[in-house]
Amino acid sequence: MPRVKTAHHQRASRSDKYWSAEVTRSSDALDLQDRVFTWRDPKRIARSLKSSAEASERRKAGPYQAAMSMLNLYINRAGKNLSQDRRRVLDQAKIELRCLFGRS
C-alpha cells in the first residue's frame, strides 16, 4: 500500500531556507570578518576580503578568485533583497578588489 503524506511533514525553518547566510558565516574557504558585507566602505570590504583570502590555507583556488567568488556569492544570493545603495557599495568593492590584486 503506498504511503500517504500526512500533516507531520513540516516546512523548512527560516534558517534552513537561506543557506547563503550560513555559507558566508562559516565558509570552508575563507574566515571572514564579522558582518563584512554590511560595511559602507568598499575599500575596507575589499581589503578585508583580500587579507582573508591570502591568510586562508583551506581555499582551493587562488586568493583573488576565492575573494571575488565570496563577494559574488553574497551579491547573487542576496539578489533582489539588496537595496540599490548596498548593491552599489558591493559592486564598487569588486572594482576595488580587482585593483588590490592588480587586475584592473
C-alpha atoms as a PDB file:
ATOM      1  CA  MET A   1       0.000   0.000   0.000  1.00  0.00           C
ATOM      2  CA  PRO A   2       1.508   3.420  -0.966  1.00  0.00           C
ATOM      3  CA  ARG A   3       2.396   5.873   1.748  1.00  0.00           C
ATOM      4  CA  VAL A   4       0.243   8.919   2.142  1.00  0.00           C
ATOM      5  CA  LYS A   5       1.817  12.218   3.049  1.00  0.00           C
ATOM      6  CA  THR A   6       0.488  13.497   6.314  1.00  0.00           C
ATOM      7  CA  ALA A   7       0.482  16.846   8.034  1.00  0.00           C
ATOM      8  CA  HIS A   8       3.574  15.957  10.044  1.00  0.00           C
ATOM      9  CA  HIS A   9       5.772  16.978   7.105  1.00  0.00           C
ATOM     10  CA  GLN A  10       6.883  20.441   8.105  1.00  0.00           C
ATOM     11  CA  ARG A  11       8.206  23.304   6.068  1.00  0.00           C
ATOM     12  CA  ALA A  12      11.860  24.189   6.350  1.00  0.00           C
ATOM     13  CA  SER A  13      12.577  26.685   9.070  1.00  0.00           C
ATOM     14  CA  ARG A  14      13.636  30.174   8.057  1.00  0.00           C
ATOM     15  CA  SER A  15      17.272  29.480   8.913  1.00  0.00           C
ATOM     16  CA  ASP A  16      17.233  26.300   6.810  1.00  0.00           C
ATOM     17  CA  LYS A  17      15.720  28.155   3.883  1.00  0.00           C
ATOM     18  CA  TYR A  18      18.542  30.685   3.494  1.00  0.00           C
ATOM     19  CA  TRP A  19      21.695  28.601   3.240  1.00  0.00           C
ATOM     20  CA  SER A  20      23.706  31.530   1.864  1.00  0.00           C
ATOM     21  CA  ALA A  21      23.827  33.175   5.296  1.00  0.00           C
ATOM     22  CA  GLU A  22      25.411  30.034   6.706  1.00  0.00           C
ATOM     23  CA  VAL A  23      27.922  29.937   3.841  1.00  0.00           C
ATOM     24  CA  THR A  24      29.097  33.480   4.481  1.00  0.00           C
ATOM     25  CA  ARG A  25      29.288  32.791   8.231  1.00  0.00           C
ATOM     26  CA  SER A  26      31.142  29.514   8.061  1.00  0.00           C
ATOM     27  CA  SER A  27      32.810  29.298   4.686  1.00  0.00           C
ATOM     28  CA  ASP A  28      35.236  26.423   4.381  1.00  0.00           C
ATOM     29  CA  ALA A  29      37.471  28.568   2.198  1.00  0.00           C
ATOM     30  CA  LEU A  30      37.669  31.923   3.975  1.00  0.00           C
ATOM     31  CA  ASP A  31      37.439  33.194   7.532  1.00  0.00           C
ATOM     32  CA  LEU A  32      35.566  36.452   7.028  1.00  0.00           C
ATOM     33  CA  GLN A  33      35.403  39.312   9.474  1.00  0.00           C
ATOM     34  CA  ASP A  34      32.029  39.723  11.150  1.00  0.00           C
ATOM     35  CA  ARG A  35      29.421  41.495   9.031  1.00  0.00           C
ATOM     36  CA  VAL A  36      31.982  42.368   6.340  1.00  0.00           C
ATOM     37  CA  PHE A  37      29.275  42.689   3.675  1.00  0.00           C
ATOM     38  CA  THR A  38      27.357  45.268   5.720  1.00  0.00           C
ATOM     39  CA  TRP A  39      30.212  47.782   5.828  1.00  0.00           C
ATOM     40  CA  ARG A  40      29.731  51.032   3.924  1.00  0.00           C
ATOM     41  CA  ASP A  41      33.308  51.474   2.687  1.00  0.00           C
ATOM     42  CA  PRO A  42      34.016  49.399  -0.458  1.00  0.00           C
ATOM     43  CA  LYS A  43      37.786  49.762   0.011  1.00  0.00           C
ATOM     44  CA  ARG A  44      37.520  48.337   3.528  1.00  0.00           C
ATOM     45  CA  ILE A  45      35.424  45.417   2.277  1.00  0.00           C
ATOM     46  CA  ALA A  46      37.944  44.690  -0.493  1.00  0.00           C
ATOM     47  CA  ARG A  47      40.937  44.894   1.877  1.00  0.00           C
ATOM     48  CA  SER A  48      39.236  42.538   4.321  1.00  0.00           C
ATOM     49  CA  LEU A  49      38.375  40.002   1.613  1.00  0.00           C
ATOM     50  CA  LYS A  50      41.918  40.167   0.258  1.00  0.00           C
ATOM     51  CA  SER A  51      43.533  39.585   3.639  1.00  0.00           C
ATOM     52  CA  SER A  52      41.107  36.738   4.428  1.00  0.00           C
ATOM     53  CA  ALA A  53      41.812  35.066   1.097  1.00  0.00           C
ATOM     54  CA  GLU A  54      45.574  35.419   1.408  1.00  0.00           C
ATOM     55  CA  ALA A  55      45.570  34.110   5.001  1.00  0.00           C
ATOM     56  CA  SER A  56      43.399  31.092   4.242  1.00  0.00           C
ATOM     57  CA  GLU A  57      45.113  27.737   3.906  1.00  0.00           C
ATOM     58  CA  ARG A  58      41.848  25.934   3.109  1.00  0.00           C
ATOM     59  CA  ARG A  59      40.932  27.659  -0.138  1.00  0.00           C
ATOM     60  CA  LYS A  60      41.010  25.598  -3.306  1.00  0.00           C
ATOM     61  CA  ALA A  61      41.570  28.483  -5.743  1.00  0.00           C
ATOM     62  CA  GLY A  62      43.969  31.408  -5.734  1.00  0.00           C
ATOM     63  CA  PRO A  63      43.386  34.315  -3.341  1.00  0.00           C
ATOM     64  CA  TYR A  64      41.869  36.604  -5.983  1.00  0.00           C
ATOM     65  CA  GLN A  65      39.381  34.002  -7.177  1.00  0.00           C
ATOM     66  CA  ALA A  66      38.451  32.999  -3.620  1.00  0.00           C
ATOM     67  CA  ALA A  67      37.817  36.609  -2.550  1.00  0.00           C
ATOM     68  CA  MET A  68      35.874  37.518  -5.683  1.00  0.00           C
ATOM     69  CA  SER A  69      33.839  34.311  -5.511  1.00  0.00           C
ATOM     70  CA  MET A  70      32.776  35.024  -1.938  1.00  0.00           C
ATOM     71  CA  LEU A  71      31.741  38.565  -2.852  1.00  0.00           C
ATOM     72  CA  ASN A  72      29.821  37.369  -5.914  1.00  0.00           C
ATOM     73  CA  LEU A  73      28.152  34.621  -3.892  1.00  0.00           C
ATOM     74  CA  TYR A  74      26.884  37.183  -1.411  1.00  0.00           C
ATOM     75  CA  ILE A  75      25.651  39.546  -4.144  1.00  0.00           C
ATOM     76  CA  ASN A  76      23.951  36.781  -6.132  1.00  0.00           C
ATOM     77  CA  ARG A  77      22.311  35.142  -3.131  1.00  0.00           C
ATOM     78  CA  ALA A  78      21.038  38.442  -1.718  1.00  0.00           C
ATOM     79  CA  GLY A  79      19.626  39.222  -5.150  1.00  0.00           C
ATOM     80  CA  LYS A  80      16.529  41.360  -5.175  1.00  0.00           C
ATOM     81  CA  ASN A  81      16.738  41.867  -1.404  1.00  0.00           C
ATOM     82  CA  LEU A  82      19.776  44.142  -1.791  1.00  0.00           C
ATOM     83  CA  SER A  83      18.966  47.819  -1.767  1.00  0.00           C
ATOM     84  CA  GLN A  84      20.308  49.930  -4.595  1.00  0.00           C
ATOM     85  CA  ASP A  85      22.803  51.580  -2.217  1.00  0.00           C
ATOM     86  CA  ARG A  86      24.105  48.232  -0.883  1.00  0.00           C
ATOM     87  CA  ARG A  87      24.417  46.891  -4.417  1.00  0.00           C
ATOM     88  CA  ARG A  88      26.376  49.992  -5.441  1.00  0.00           C
ATOM     89  CA  VAL A  89      28.783  49.606  -2.491  1.00  0.00           C
ATOM     90  CA  LEU A  90      29.343  45.908  -3.195  1.00  0.00           C
ATOM     91  CA  ASP A  91      29.870  46.497  -6.918  1.00  0.00           C
ATOM     92  CA  GLN A  92      32.424  49.167  -6.026  1.00  0.00           C
ATOM     93  CA  ALA A  93      34.087  46.642  -3.687  1.00  0.00           C
ATOM     94  CA  LYS A  94      34.507  44.329  -6.685  1.00  0.00           C
ATOM     95  CA  ILE A  95      36.301  47.102  -8.550  1.00  0.00           C
ATOM     96  CA  GLU A  96      38.495  47.808  -5.508  1.00  0.00           C
ATOM     97  CA  LEU A  97      39.277  44.105  -5.139  1.00  0.00           C
ATOM     98  CA  ARG A  98      40.434  43.941  -8.762  1.00  0.00           C
ATOM     99  CA  CYS A  99      42.704  46.947  -8.153  1.00  0.00           C
ATOM    100  CA  LEU A 100      44.178  45.439  -4.973  1.00  0.00           C
ATOM    101  CA  PHE A 101      45.106  42.292  -6.877  1.00  0.00           C
ATOM    102  CA  GLY A 102      46.443  44.287  -9.842  1.00  0.00           C
ATOM    103  CA  ARG A 103      43.719  43.158 -12.213  1.00  0.00           C
ATOM    104  CA  SER A 104      42.120  46.448 -13.176  1.00  0.00           C
END
